[in-house]
Amino acid sequence: MLNDLKSAFARNATTLLPDAVGAAALVVMLAVALHLPGLL
């Protein structure tokens, strides 16, 4: 299983950073959306 993970990371190394940035953006948007009713 560890070899499978290593090979998956090796194949997708070029898209790993943009995917992480996109996931972080989604988390930030979710946090803002959840806190928005309390701010208004």
C-alpha atoms as a PDB file:
ATOM      1  CA  MET A   1       0.000   0.000   0.000  1.00  0.00           C
ATOM      2  CA  LEU A   2       2.870   2.357   0.760  1.00  0.00           C
ATOM      3  CA  ASN A   3       4.277   1.697  -2.701  1.00  0.00           C
ATOM      4  CA  ASP A   4       0.895   2.569  -4.211  1.00  0.00           C
ATOM      5  CA  LEU A   5       0.858   5.902  -2.381  1.00  0.00           C
ATOM      6  CA  LYS A   6       4.409   6.680  -3.450  1.00  0.00           C
ATOM      7  CA  SER A   7       3.648   5.935  -7.085  1.00  0.00           C
ATOM      8  CA  ALA A   8       0.447   7.997  -6.967  1.00  0.00           C
ATOM      9  CA  PHE A   9       2.356  10.984  -5.572  1.00  0.00           C
ATOM     10  CA  ALA A  10       5.085  10.504  -8.172  1.00  0.00           C
ATOM     11  CA  ARG A  11       2.560  10.473 -11.032  1.00  0.00           C
ATOM     12  CA  ASN A  12       0.660  13.509  -9.754  1.00  0.00           C
ATOM     13  CA  ALA A  13       3.533  15.620  -8.417  1.00  0.00           C
ATOM     14  CA  THR A  14       2.848  18.458 -10.870  1.00  0.00           C
ATOM     15  CA  THR A  15      -0.775  18.910  -9.786  1.00  0.00           C
ATOM     16  CA  LEU A  16      -0.255  18.354  -6.064  1.00  0.00           C
ATOM     17  CA  LEU A  17       0.344  22.015  -5.164  1.00  0.00           C
ATOM     18  CA  PRO A  18      -2.578  23.454  -7.184  1.00  0.00           C
ATOM     19  CA  ASP A  19      -4.882  20.805  -5.713  1.00  0.00           C
ATOM     20  CA  ALA A  20      -3.739  21.691  -2.192  1.00  0.00           C
ATOM     21  CA  VAL A  21      -4.323  25.398  -2.873  1.00  0.00           C
ATOM     22  CA  GLY A  22      -7.810  24.627  -4.189  1.00  0.00           C
ATOM     23  CA  ALA A  23      -8.641  22.516  -1.157  1.00  0.00           C
ATOM     24  CA  ALA A  24      -7.425  25.278   1.173  1.00  0.00           C
ATOM     25  CA  ALA A  25      -9.576  27.804  -0.702  1.00  0.00           C
ATOM     26  CA  LEU A  26     -12.623  25.577  -0.251  1.00  0.00           C
ATOM     27  CA  VAL A  27     -11.952  25.289   3.484  1.00  0.00           C
ATOM     28  CA  VAL A  28     -11.620  29.074   3.791  1.00  0.00           C
ATOM     29  CA  MET A  29     -14.869  29.631   1.874  1.00  0.00           C
ATOM     30  CA  LEU A  30     -16.656  27.111   4.088  1.00  0.00           C
ATOM     31  CA  ALA A  31     -15.367  28.783   7.253  1.00  0.00           C
ATOM     32  CA  VAL A  32     -16.433  32.219   6.008  1.00  0.00           C
ATOM     33  CA  ALA A  33     -19.861  30.929   5.000  1.00  0.00           C
ATOM     34  CA  LEU A  34     -20.384  29.357   8.418  1.00  0.00           C
ATOM     35  CA  HIS A  35     -19.369  32.537  10.252  1.00  0.00           C
ATOM     36  CA  LEU A  36     -21.270  34.909   7.962  1.00  0.00           C
ATOM     37  CA  PRO A  37     -24.669  34.699   9.755  1.00  0.00           C
ATOM     38  CA  GLY A  38     -23.006  35.691  13.023  1.00  0.00           C
ATOM     39  CA  LEU A  39     -21.430  38.750  11.418  1.00  0.00           C
ATOM     40  CA  LEU A  40     -24.652  40.143   9.953  1.00  0.00           C
END
